[in-house]
Amino acid sequence: MTQSGPAQLVDRLPRSTTPVVRRLAVASLASQILIVVTGGAVRLTASGLGCPEWPNCTAGSIINTPEMGIHGVIEFGNRLLTFVLTAIAVAMLVSLWNLRRERRDLFRLAVALLAGIPTQAVWGGITVLSNLNPWVVGGHFIVSMVLVVLATILVNRAWLSSEQASVRQPPAAPRLLRQLLSVTAVLVTVTVFLGVIVTGSGPHAGDAGASRNNLDPDLMTRIHAAPVYLLVITLAVALFVAYRSGVAPRVRRALVLLAAVVLAQGAVGYLQHFLHLPIALVALHMLGASLLTAATAHAVYVGRTRQPVSTAE
């Protein structure tokens, strides 16, 4: 007896972490970073209220109208990207269907990423209905960073076979290095959070009529820079410990990558401040925040995981 159509489809889905599963994991991470960049473009072009209603674009139309001009196009385009993220998240979940019991770690991460998309959509609607309140906008960005972290872990774990995922061994990094990685994660979290507050005090409100948080932007910038100095010092010590203790090359590579992102992000941050926040540099700094979050999550995961290094990598 032949199987029915749905049963045949399920039977053809991956039963191991195939290249398709890994590509979808990478696409999940890339799309989460991309929507941060496009969201930044909405704010930096003052298109935050290009669609003044939610979930419709206007009271009478679900899409933008010609009368709304370029701001409507930019804001509605960013909303459409949500459907791309949804398609990738659904494809990720479907690809793991036959692995949902064997690889609960991957399946749960995929479910969390899919659930995060409507959460972000609703939060985005609240930002519009709150007239781009800077604290609400900041929360929208923080949720995106959480989703970037989850997607980064998903990518790392997608490169493990089922056998490797079931193995438990001592962490790849020694205790001191693991502690330094934990401190690094805390400092990056504080830095990103303070960066959101700096953004809320700056000139790029997303719309000419949107409010600011009324904090002194110069003072907040200086406060924002303080954990960055500590982060650079912590990373320097971590790199010294990593090379002196002879940890796995994968851990050293992750730390070097993180250090490079931190230095690049710091350079862009200083440059945008002294050049009075040009749009292109602010957009690059937002991309850098996403890459910094991903690089930190990767380094912490690599240093603290109890799974072996994947031979596929």
C-alpha atoms as a PDB file:
ATOM      1  CA  MET A   1       0.000   0.000   0.000  1.00  0.00           C
ATOM      2  CA  THR A   2       1.430   3.383  -0.997  1.00  0.00           C
ATOM      3  CA  GLN A   3       1.615   6.205   1.485  1.00  0.00           C
ATOM      4  CA  SER A   4      -0.638   9.245   1.175  1.00  0.00           C
ATOM      5  CA  GLY A   5       0.720  12.590  -0.016  1.00  0.00           C
ATOM      6  CA  PRO A   6       1.368  14.156   3.443  1.00  0.00           C
ATOM      7  CA  ALA A   7       2.928  10.939   4.730  1.00  0.00           C
ATOM      8  CA  GLN A   8       5.239  10.789   1.711  1.00  0.00           C
ATOM      9  CA  LEU A   9       6.251  14.397   2.296  1.00  0.00           C
ATOM     10  CA  VAL A  10       7.046  13.766   5.967  1.00  0.00           C
ATOM     11  CA  ASP A  11       9.034  10.676   5.022  1.00  0.00           C
ATOM     12  CA  ARG A  12      11.182  12.750   2.654  1.00  0.00           C
ATOM     13  CA  LEU A  13      12.088  15.310   5.325  1.00  0.00           C
ATOM     14  CA  PRO A  14      15.619  15.149   6.808  1.00  0.00           C
ATOM     15  CA  ARG A  15      16.331  12.552   9.481  1.00  0.00           C
ATOM     16  CA  SER A  16      19.730  14.013  10.333  1.00  0.00           C
ATOM     17  CA  THR A  17      21.335  17.449  10.333  1.00  0.00           C
ATOM     18  CA  THR A  18      21.770  17.628   6.580  1.00  0.00           C
ATOM     19  CA  PRO A  19      23.245  20.565   4.639  1.00  0.00           C
ATOM     20  CA  VAL A  20      19.665  21.769   4.079  1.00  0.00           C
ATOM     21  CA  VAL A  21      19.090  22.007   7.843  1.00  0.00           C
ATOM     22  CA  ARG A  22      22.376  23.861   8.281  1.00  0.00           C
ATOM     23  CA  ARG A  23      21.654  26.296   5.460  1.00  0.00           C
ATOM     24  CA  LEU A  24      18.265  27.068   6.945  1.00  0.00           C
ATOM     25  CA  ALA A  25      19.916  27.681  10.325  1.00  0.00           C
ATOM     26  CA  VAL A  26      22.327  30.138   8.714  1.00  0.00           C
ATOM     27  CA  ALA A  27      19.421  31.760   6.854  1.00  0.00           C
ATOM     28  CA  SER A  28      17.614  32.139  10.178  1.00  0.00           C
ATOM     29  CA  LEU A  29      20.541  34.054  11.633  1.00  0.00           C
ATOM     30  CA  ALA A  30      21.096  36.153   8.505  1.00  0.00           C
ATOM     31  CA  SER A  31      17.427  37.112   8.283  1.00  0.00           C
ATOM     32  CA  GLN A  32      17.287  38.144  11.935  1.00  0.00           C
ATOM     33  CA  ILE A  33      20.258  40.455  11.361  1.00  0.00           C
ATOM     34  CA  LEU A  34      18.815  41.734   8.072  1.00  0.00           C
ATOM     35  CA  ILE A  35      15.551  42.863   9.653  1.00  0.00           C
ATOM     36  CA  VAL A  36      17.530  44.837  12.242  1.00  0.00           C
ATOM     37  CA  VAL A  37      19.297  46.657   9.411  1.00  0.00           C
ATOM     38  CA  THR A  38      16.075  47.355   7.509  1.00  0.00           C
ATOM     39  CA  GLY A  39      14.406  48.454  10.741  1.00  0.00           C
ATOM     40  CA  GLY A  40      17.305  50.847  11.228  1.00  0.00           C
ATOM     41  CA  ALA A  41      16.765  52.158   7.698  1.00  0.00           C
ATOM     42  CA  VAL A  42      13.141  52.880   8.602  1.00  0.00           C
ATOM     43  CA  ARG A  43      14.201  54.936  11.597  1.00  0.00           C
ATOM     44  CA  LEU A  44      17.135  56.700   9.945  1.00  0.00           C
ATOM     45  CA  THR A  45      15.057  57.816   6.952  1.00  0.00           C
ATOM     46  CA  ALA A  46      12.325  59.161   9.265  1.00  0.00           C
ATOM     47  CA  SER A  47       9.932  56.520   7.892  1.00  0.00           C
ATOM     48  CA  GLY A  48       8.855  55.126  11.257  1.00  0.00           C
ATOM     49  CA  LEU A  49       5.333  56.439  10.748  1.00  0.00           C
ATOM     50  CA  GLY A  50       5.366  55.883   6.985  1.00  0.00           C
ATOM     51  CA  CYS A  51       2.531  53.474   7.777  1.00  0.00           C
ATOM     52  CA  PRO A  52       0.713  55.346  10.557  1.00  0.00           C
ATOM     53  CA  GLU A  53      -1.576  52.439  11.468  1.00  0.00           C
ATOM     54  CA  TRP A  54      -1.120  48.805  12.493  1.00  0.00           C
ATOM     55  CA  PRO A  55      -1.741  46.065  11.385  1.00  0.00           C
ATOM     56  CA  ASN A  56      -3.003  47.975   8.331  1.00  0.00           C
ATOM     57  CA  CYS A  57      -0.704  50.541   6.768  1.00  0.00           C
ATOM     58  CA  THR A  58      -3.477  53.145   6.839  1.00  0.00           C
ATOM     59  CA  ALA A  59      -7.007  53.133   8.174  1.00  0.00           C
ATOM     60  CA  GLY A  60      -8.312  52.146   4.752  1.00  0.00           C
ATOM     61  CA  SER A  61      -5.475  50.098   3.226  1.00  0.00           C
ATOM     62  CA  ILE A  62      -3.352  47.167   4.286  1.00  0.00           C
ATOM     63  CA  ILE A  63      -0.588  48.319   1.911  1.00  0.00           C
ATOM     64  CA  ASN A  64       1.058  51.696   1.381  1.00  0.00           C
ATOM     65  CA  THR A  65      -0.522  54.094  -1.108  1.00  0.00           C
ATOM     66  CA  PRO A  66       1.208  56.387  -3.643  1.00  0.00           C
ATOM     67  CA  GLU A  67       0.156  59.427  -1.607  1.00  0.00           C
ATOM     68  CA  MET A  68       2.336  58.206   1.278  1.00  0.00           C
ATOM     69  CA  GLY A  69       5.507  58.624  -0.781  1.00  0.00           C
ATOM     70  CA  ILE A  70       8.880  57.017  -0.141  1.00  0.00           C
ATOM     71  CA  HIS A  71       8.377  56.793   3.640  1.00  0.00           C
ATOM     72  CA  GLY A  72       5.377  54.529   3.124  1.00  0.00           C
ATOM     73  CA  VAL A  73       7.365  52.350   0.727  1.00  0.00           C
ATOM     74  CA  ILE A  74      10.251  51.983   3.209  1.00  0.00           C
ATOM     75  CA  GLU A  75       8.060  51.210   6.222  1.00  0.00           C
ATOM     76  CA  PHE A  76       5.781  48.790   4.345  1.00  0.00           C
ATOM     77  CA  GLY A  77       8.826  47.106   2.812  1.00  0.00           C
ATOM     78  CA  ASN A  78      10.186  46.463   6.292  1.00  0.00           C
ATOM     79  CA  ARG A  79       6.841  44.973   7.310  1.00  0.00           C
ATOM     80  CA  LEU A  80       6.901  42.675   4.278  1.00  0.00           C
ATOM     81  CA  LEU A  81      10.278  41.313   5.388  1.00  0.00           C
ATOM     82  CA  THR A  82       8.459  39.752   8.341  1.00  0.00           C
ATOM     83  CA  PHE A  83       6.901  37.286   5.895  1.00  0.00           C
ATOM     84  CA  VAL A  84      10.366  36.313   4.646  1.00  0.00           C
ATOM     85  CA  LEU A  85      11.462  35.627   8.234  1.00  0.00           C
ATOM     86  CA  THR A  86       8.287  33.623   8.792  1.00  0.00           C
ATOM     87  CA  ALA A  87       8.885  31.516   5.675  1.00  0.00           C
ATOM     88  CA  ILE A  88      12.449  30.741   6.776  1.00  0.00           C
ATOM     89  CA  ALA A  89      11.346  29.930  10.334  1.00  0.00           C
ATOM     90  CA  VAL A  90       8.565  27.635   9.115  1.00  0.00           C
ATOM     91  CA  ALA A  91      10.948  25.907   6.690  1.00  0.00           C
ATOM     92  CA  MET A  92      13.426  25.437   9.561  1.00  0.00           C
ATOM     93  CA  LEU A  93      10.738  23.889  11.737  1.00  0.00           C
ATOM     94  CA  VAL A  94       9.489  21.622   8.939  1.00  0.00           C
ATOM     95  CA  SER A  95      13.023  20.454   8.141  1.00  0.00           C
ATOM     96  CA  LEU A  96      13.391  19.356  11.779  1.00  0.00           C
ATOM     97  CA  TRP A  97      10.030  17.580  12.014  1.00  0.00           C
ATOM     98  CA  ASN A  98      11.480  14.079  11.814  1.00  0.00           C
ATOM     99  CA  LEU A  99      14.154  15.141  14.318  1.00  0.00           C
ATOM    100  CA  ARG A 100      11.793  16.759  16.830  1.00  0.00           C
ATOM    101  CA  ARG A 101      12.362  14.002  19.410  1.00  0.00           C
ATOM    102  CA  GLU A 102      15.945  13.075  18.602  1.00  0.00           C
ATOM    103  CA  ARG A 103      17.101  16.715  18.388  1.00  0.00           C
ATOM    104  CA  ARG A 104      14.841  18.515  20.827  1.00  0.00           C
ATOM    105  CA  ASP A 105      17.518  21.192  21.194  1.00  0.00           C
ATOM    106  CA  LEU A 106      17.213  22.242  17.551  1.00  0.00           C
ATOM    107  CA  PHE A 107      13.435  21.876  17.438  1.00  0.00           C
ATOM    108  CA  ARG A 108      12.907  24.036  20.530  1.00  0.00           C
ATOM    109  CA  LEU A 109      15.210  26.738  19.187  1.00  0.00           C
ATOM    110  CA  ALA A 110      13.321  26.702  15.885  1.00  0.00           C
ATOM    111  CA  VAL A 111       9.991  26.993  17.739  1.00  0.00           C
ATOM    112  CA  ALA A 112      11.344  29.906  19.798  1.00  0.00           C
ATOM    113  CA  LEU A 113      12.518  31.733  16.664  1.00  0.00           C
ATOM    114  CA  LEU A 114       9.165  31.210  14.963  1.00  0.00           C
ATOM    115  CA  ALA A 115       7.318  32.434  18.071  1.00  0.00           C
ATOM    116  CA  GLY A 116       9.580  35.480  18.218  1.00  0.00           C
ATOM    117  CA  ILE A 117       8.418  36.727  14.804  1.00  0.00           C
ATOM    118  CA  PRO A 118       4.766  37.505  15.729  1.00  0.00           C
ATOM    119  CA  THR A 119       6.017  38.833  19.064  1.00  0.00           C
ATOM    120  CA  GLN A 120       8.229  41.291  17.203  1.00  0.00           C
ATOM    121  CA  ALA A 121       5.425  42.131  14.767  1.00  0.00           C
ATOM    122  CA  VAL A 122       3.052  43.001  17.610  1.00  0.00           C
ATOM    123  CA  TRP A 123       5.787  44.974  19.382  1.00  0.00           C
ATOM    124  CA  GLY A 124       6.432  46.819  16.134  1.00  0.00           C
ATOM    125  CA  GLY A 125       2.747  47.679  15.996  1.00  0.00           C
ATOM    126  CA  ILE A 126       2.933  49.037  19.531  1.00  0.00           C
ATOM    127  CA  THR A 127       5.863  51.270  18.528  1.00  0.00           C
ATOM    128  CA  VAL A 128       3.727  52.759  15.764  1.00  0.00           C
ATOM    129  CA  LEU A 129       0.676  53.191  17.998  1.00  0.00           C
ATOM    130  CA  SER A 130       2.880  54.790  20.707  1.00  0.00           C
ATOM    131  CA  ASN A 131       4.116  57.360  18.168  1.00  0.00           C
ATOM    132  CA  LEU A 132       7.609  55.802  18.244  1.00  0.00           C
ATOM    133  CA  ASN A 133       8.114  56.109  21.982  1.00  0.00           C
ATOM    134  CA  PRO A 134      11.921  55.698  22.343  1.00  0.00           C
ATOM    135  CA  TRP A 135      11.616  53.191  25.195  1.00  0.00           C
ATOM    136  CA  VAL A 136       9.220  51.017  23.192  1.00  0.00           C
ATOM    137  CA  VAL A 137      11.454  51.280  20.121  1.00  0.00           C
ATOM    138  CA  GLY A 138      14.426  50.294  22.287  1.00  0.00           C
ATOM    139  CA  GLY A 139      12.576  47.235  23.573  1.00  0.00           C
ATOM    140  CA  HIS A 140      11.858  46.254  19.968  1.00  0.00           C
ATOM    141  CA  PHE A 141      15.604  46.260  19.284  1.00  0.00           C
ATOM    142  CA  ILE A 142      16.449  44.295  22.441  1.00  0.00           C
ATOM    143  CA  VAL A 143      14.024  41.520  21.466  1.00  0.00           C
ATOM    144  CA  SER A 144      15.778  41.360  18.078  1.00  0.00           C
ATOM    145  CA  MET A 145      19.096  40.861  19.865  1.00  0.00           C
ATOM    146  CA  VAL A 146      17.605  37.964  21.861  1.00  0.00           C
ATOM    147  CA  LEU A 147      16.477  36.356  18.599  1.00  0.00           C
ATOM    148  CA  VAL A 148      19.968  36.863  17.128  1.00  0.00           C
ATOM    149  CA  VAL A 149      21.416  35.001  20.133  1.00  0.00           C
ATOM    150  CA  LEU A 150      18.969  32.111  19.684  1.00  0.00           C
ATOM    151  CA  ALA A 151      19.711  31.924  15.956  1.00  0.00           C
ATOM    152  CA  THR A 152      23.465  31.890  16.643  1.00  0.00           C
ATOM    153  CA  ILE A 153      23.070  28.957  19.027  1.00  0.00           C
ATOM    154  CA  LEU A 154      20.892  27.225  16.425  1.00  0.00           C
ATOM    155  CA  VAL A 155      23.664  27.577  13.831  1.00  0.00           C
ATOM    156  CA  ASN A 156      26.264  26.160  16.214  1.00  0.00           C
ATOM    157  CA  ARG A 157      24.133  23.184  17.178  1.00  0.00           C
ATOM    158  CA  ALA A 158      23.006  22.474  13.607  1.00  0.00           C
ATOM    159  CA  TRP A 159      26.602  21.496  12.820  1.00  0.00           C
ATOM    160  CA  LEU A 160      26.472  18.682  15.376  1.00  0.00           C
ATOM    161  CA  SER A 161      25.337  15.226  14.413  1.00  0.00           C
ATOM    162  CA  SER A 162      22.793  13.513  16.655  1.00  0.00           C
ATOM    163  CA  GLU A 163      25.573  11.378  18.127  1.00  0.00           C
ATOM    164  CA  GLN A 164      27.719  14.425  18.907  1.00  0.00           C
ATOM    165  CA  ALA A 165      24.757  16.274  20.423  1.00  0.00           C
ATOM    166  CA  SER A 166      24.210  13.405  22.876  1.00  0.00           C
ATOM    167  CA  VAL A 167      27.822  13.410  24.102  1.00  0.00           C
ATOM    168  CA  ARG A 168      28.800  15.267  27.268  1.00  0.00           C
ATOM    169  CA  GLN A 169      32.421  16.171  27.888  1.00  0.00           C
ATOM    170  CA  PRO A 170      34.353  18.850  29.807  1.00  0.00           C
ATOM    171  CA  PRO A 171      33.907  22.381  28.412  1.00  0.00           C
ATOM    172  CA  ALA A 172      36.332  23.411  25.689  1.00  0.00           C
ATOM    173  CA  ALA A 173      37.690  26.342  27.717  1.00  0.00           C
ATOM    174  CA  PRO A 174      39.340  26.198  31.169  1.00  0.00           C
ATOM    175  CA  ARG A 175      37.512  27.653  34.144  1.00  0.00           C
ATOM    176  CA  LEU A 176      39.227  31.060  34.087  1.00  0.00           C
ATOM    177  CA  LEU A 177      38.471  31.524  30.408  1.00  0.00           C
ATOM    178  CA  ARG A 178      34.850  30.508  30.930  1.00  0.00           C
ATOM    179  CA  GLN A 179      34.576  33.116  33.658  1.00  0.00           C
ATOM    180  CA  LEU A 180      36.074  35.735  31.352  1.00  0.00           C
ATOM    181  CA  LEU A 181      33.574  34.748  28.657  1.00  0.00           C
ATOM    182  CA  SER A 182      30.729  35.195  31.133  1.00  0.00           C
ATOM    183  CA  VAL A 183      32.033  38.661  32.047  1.00  0.00           C
ATOM    184  CA  THR A 184      32.295  39.444  28.335  1.00  0.00           C
ATOM    185  CA  ALA A 185      28.664  38.457  27.798  1.00  0.00           C
ATOM    186  CA  VAL A 186      27.538  40.701  30.666  1.00  0.00           C
ATOM    187  CA  LEU A 187      29.574  43.649  29.376  1.00  0.00           C
ATOM    188  CA  VAL A 188      28.225  43.234  25.835  1.00  0.00           C
ATOM    189  CA  THR A 189      24.667  43.077  27.210  1.00  0.00           C
ATOM    190  CA  VAL A 190      25.209  46.281  29.206  1.00  0.00           C
ATOM    191  CA  THR A 191      26.873  47.963  26.223  1.00  0.00           C
ATOM    192  CA  VAL A 192      23.999  47.137  23.869  1.00  0.00           C
ATOM    193  CA  PHE A 193      21.404  48.201  26.434  1.00  0.00           C
ATOM    194  CA  LEU A 194      23.149  51.533  27.007  1.00  0.00           C
ATOM    195  CA  GLY A 195      23.501  51.951  23.250  1.00  0.00           C
ATOM    196  CA  VAL A 196      19.715  51.706  22.981  1.00  0.00           C
ATOM    197  CA  ILE A 197      19.376  54.495  25.558  1.00  0.00           C
ATOM    198  CA  VAL A 198      21.893  56.638  23.667  1.00  0.00           C
ATOM    199  CA  THR A 199      19.877  56.101  20.498  1.00  0.00           C
ATOM    200  CA  GLY A 200      16.721  57.207  22.311  1.00  0.00           C
ATOM    201  CA  SER A 201      18.405  60.472  23.271  1.00  0.00           C
ATOM    202  CA  GLY A 202      19.787  61.190  19.800  1.00  0.00           C
ATOM    203  CA  PRO A 203      18.371  62.945  16.753  1.00  0.00           C
ATOM    204  CA  HIS A 204      17.252  59.939  14.694  1.00  0.00           C
ATOM    205  CA  ALA A 205      13.751  59.491  16.108  1.00  0.00           C
ATOM    206  CA  GLY A 206      12.197  57.763  13.105  1.00  0.00           C
ATOM    207  CA  ASP A 207       9.795  60.636  12.536  1.00  0.00           C
ATOM    208  CA  ALA A 208       9.974  64.413  12.929  1.00  0.00           C
ATOM    209  CA  GLY A 209       7.169  64.347  15.478  1.00  0.00           C
ATOM    210  CA  ALA A 210       8.451  61.443  17.590  1.00  0.00           C
ATOM    211  CA  SER A 211       9.567  62.110  21.155  1.00  0.00           C
ATOM    212  CA  ARG A 212      13.015  61.526  22.646  1.00  0.00           C
ATOM    213  CA  ASN A 213      13.870  60.204  26.123  1.00  0.00           C
ATOM    214  CA  ASN A 214      15.125  63.663  27.198  1.00  0.00           C
ATOM    215  CA  LEU A 215      18.462  62.364  28.472  1.00  0.00           C
ATOM    216  CA  ASP A 216      21.703  64.190  27.712  1.00  0.00           C
ATOM    217  CA  PRO A 217      23.095  62.422  24.613  1.00  0.00           C
ATOM    218  CA  ASP A 218      26.722  63.427  25.333  1.00  0.00           C
ATOM    219  CA  LEU A 219      26.518  62.134  28.916  1.00  0.00           C
ATOM    220  CA  MET A 220      24.809  58.921  27.839  1.00  0.00           C
ATOM    221  CA  THR A 221      27.454  58.396  25.142  1.00  0.00           C
ATOM    222  CA  ARG A 222      30.206  58.649  27.750  1.00  0.00           C
ATOM    223  CA  ILE A 223      28.377  56.203  30.025  1.00  0.00           C
ATOM    224  CA  HIS A 224      27.880  53.891  27.033  1.00  0.00           C
ATOM    225  CA  ALA A 225      31.640  53.954  26.351  1.00  0.00           C
ATOM    226  CA  ALA A 226      32.597  52.857  29.896  1.00  0.00           C
ATOM    227  CA  PRO A 227      31.668  49.152  29.551  1.00  0.00           C
ATOM    228  CA  VAL A 228      33.309  49.149  26.114  1.00  0.00           C
ATOM    229  CA  TYR A 229      36.682  49.938  27.710  1.00  0.00           C
ATOM    230  CA  LEU A 230      36.122  47.132  30.223  1.00  0.00           C
ATOM    231  CA  LEU A 231      35.091  44.836  27.378  1.00  0.00           C
ATOM    232  CA  VAL A 232      38.300  45.500  25.451  1.00  0.00           C
ATOM    233  CA  ILE A 233      40.406  44.802  28.558  1.00  0.00           C
ATOM    234  CA  THR A 234      38.455  41.613  29.343  1.00  0.00           C
ATOM    235  CA  LEU A 235      38.856  40.353  25.785  1.00  0.00           C
ATOM    236  CA  ALA A 236      42.581  41.091  25.816  1.00  0.00           C
ATOM    237  CA  VAL A 237      42.966  39.022  28.991  1.00  0.00           C
ATOM    238  CA  ALA A 238      40.773  36.264  27.534  1.00  0.00           C
ATOM    239  CA  LEU A 239      42.911  36.087  24.399  1.00  0.00           C
ATOM    240  CA  PHE A 240      46.076  35.922  26.510  1.00  0.00           C
ATOM    241  CA  VAL A 241      44.622  33.087  28.609  1.00  0.00           C
ATOM    242  CA  ALA A 242      43.382  31.264  25.496  1.00  0.00           C
ATOM    243  CA  TYR A 243      46.776  31.259  23.807  1.00  0.00           C
ATOM    244  CA  ARG A 244      48.696  30.483  26.994  1.00  0.00           C
ATOM    245  CA  SER A 245      46.426  27.598  28.028  1.00  0.00           C
ATOM    246  CA  GLY A 246      46.425  25.908  24.630  1.00  0.00           C
ATOM    247  CA  VAL A 247      42.665  25.690  24.218  1.00  0.00           C
ATOM    248  CA  ALA A 248      41.083  24.266  21.083  1.00  0.00           C
ATOM    249  CA  PRO A 249      41.675  26.333  17.934  1.00  0.00           C
ATOM    250  CA  ARG A 250      37.923  26.774  17.585  1.00  0.00           C
ATOM    251  CA  VAL A 251      37.800  28.718  20.866  1.00  0.00           C
ATOM    252  CA  ARG A 252      40.720  30.929  19.864  1.00  0.00           C
ATOM    253  CA  ARG A 253      39.123  31.652  16.490  1.00  0.00           C
ATOM    254  CA  ALA A 254      35.861  32.620  18.179  1.00  0.00           C
ATOM    255  CA  LEU A 255      37.685  35.003  20.509  1.00  0.00           C
ATOM    256  CA  VAL A 256      39.680  36.579  17.676  1.00  0.00           C
ATOM    257  CA  LEU A 257      36.482  37.067  15.690  1.00  0.00           C
ATOM    258  CA  LEU A 258      34.782  38.675  18.695  1.00  0.00           C
ATOM    259  CA  ALA A 259      37.767  40.954  19.323  1.00  0.00           C
ATOM    260  CA  ALA A 260      37.747  42.064  15.686  1.00  0.00           C
ATOM    261  CA  VAL A 261      34.028  42.866  15.830  1.00  0.00           C
ATOM    262  CA  VAL A 262      34.440  44.783  19.103  1.00  0.00           C
ATOM    263  CA  LEU A 263      37.285  46.904  17.707  1.00  0.00           C
ATOM    264  CA  ALA A 264      35.412  47.588  14.456  1.00  0.00           C
ATOM    265  CA  GLN A 265      32.215  48.456  16.308  1.00  0.00           C
ATOM    266  CA  GLY A 266      34.110  50.736  18.686  1.00  0.00           C
ATOM    267  CA  ALA A 267      35.805  52.519  15.794  1.00  0.00           C
ATOM    268  CA  VAL A 268      32.479  53.091  14.025  1.00  0.00           C
ATOM    269  CA  GLY A 269      30.930  54.288  17.280  1.00  0.00           C
ATOM    270  CA  TYR A 270      33.621  56.893  17.878  1.00  0.00           C
ATOM    271  CA  LEU A 271      33.586  57.982  14.252  1.00  0.00           C
ATOM    272  CA  GLN A 272      29.821  58.455  14.119  1.00  0.00           C
ATOM    273  CA  HIS A 273      29.923  60.455  17.362  1.00  0.00           C
ATOM    274  CA  PHE A 274      32.612  62.882  16.227  1.00  0.00           C
ATOM    275  CA  LEU A 275      31.020  63.242  12.776  1.00  0.00           C
ATOM    276  CA  HIS A 276      27.664  64.085  14.422  1.00  0.00           C
ATOM    277  CA  LEU A 277      25.831  60.862  13.614  1.00  0.00           C
ATOM    278  CA  PRO A 278      25.706  60.601   9.809  1.00  0.00           C
ATOM    279  CA  ILE A 279      23.015  58.162   8.718  1.00  0.00           C
ATOM    280  CA  ALA A 280      25.359  55.737   6.924  1.00  0.00           C
ATOM    281  CA  LEU A 281      27.586  55.298   9.972  1.00  0.00           C
ATOM    282  CA  VAL A 282      24.637  54.939  12.339  1.00  0.00           C
ATOM    283  CA  ALA A 283      23.240  52.196  10.085  1.00  0.00           C
ATOM    284  CA  LEU A 284      26.649  50.500  10.078  1.00  0.00           C
ATOM    285  CA  HIS A 285      26.745  50.752  13.880  1.00  0.00           C
ATOM    286  CA  MET A 286      23.349  49.031  14.101  1.00  0.00           C
ATOM    287  CA  LEU A 287      24.612  46.233  11.876  1.00  0.00           C
ATOM    288  CA  GLY A 288      27.683  46.083  14.116  1.00  0.00           C
ATOM    289  CA  ALA A 289      25.499  45.690  17.213  1.00  0.00           C
ATOM    290  CA  SER A 290      23.865  42.637  15.648  1.00  0.00           C
ATOM    291  CA  LEU A 291      27.217  41.168  14.630  1.00  0.00           C
ATOM    292  CA  LEU A 292      28.622  41.900  18.097  1.00  0.00           C
ATOM    293  CA  THR A 293      25.697  40.083  19.711  1.00  0.00           C
ATOM    294  CA  ALA A 294      26.111  37.096  17.385  1.00  0.00           C
ATOM    295  CA  ALA A 295      29.899  36.956  17.832  1.00  0.00           C
ATOM    296  CA  THR A 296      29.516  37.099  21.617  1.00  0.00           C
ATOM    297  CA  ALA A 297      26.900  34.336  21.649  1.00  0.00           C
ATOM    298  CA  HIS A 298      29.168  32.238  19.413  1.00  0.00           C
ATOM    299  CA  ALA A 299      32.258  32.732  21.598  1.00  0.00           C
ATOM    300  CA  VAL A 300      30.380  31.969  24.815  1.00  0.00           C
ATOM    301  CA  TYR A 301      28.771  28.895  23.294  1.00  0.00           C
ATOM    302  CA  VAL A 302      32.058  27.555  21.881  1.00  0.00           C
ATOM    303  CA  GLY A 303      33.902  28.110  25.149  1.00  0.00           C
ATOM    304  CA  ARG A 304      31.247  26.670  27.442  1.00  0.00           C
ATOM    305  CA  THR A 305      29.659  23.866  25.386  1.00  0.00           C
ATOM    306  CA  ARG A 306      30.027  20.295  26.566  1.00  0.00           C
ATOM    307  CA  GLN A 307      29.554  18.915  23.079  1.00  0.00           C
ATOM    308  CA  PRO A 308      32.515  17.903  20.915  1.00  0.00           C
ATOM    309  CA  VAL A 309      33.680  19.959  17.955  1.00  0.00           C
ATOM    310  CA  SER A 310      31.786  18.910  14.843  1.00  0.00           C
ATOM    311  CA  THR A 311      33.883  17.109  12.268  1.00  0.00           C
ATOM    312  CA  ALA A 312      31.577  18.591   9.580  1.00  0.00           C
ATOM    313  CA  GLU A 313      32.768  22.073  10.493  1.00  0.00           C
END
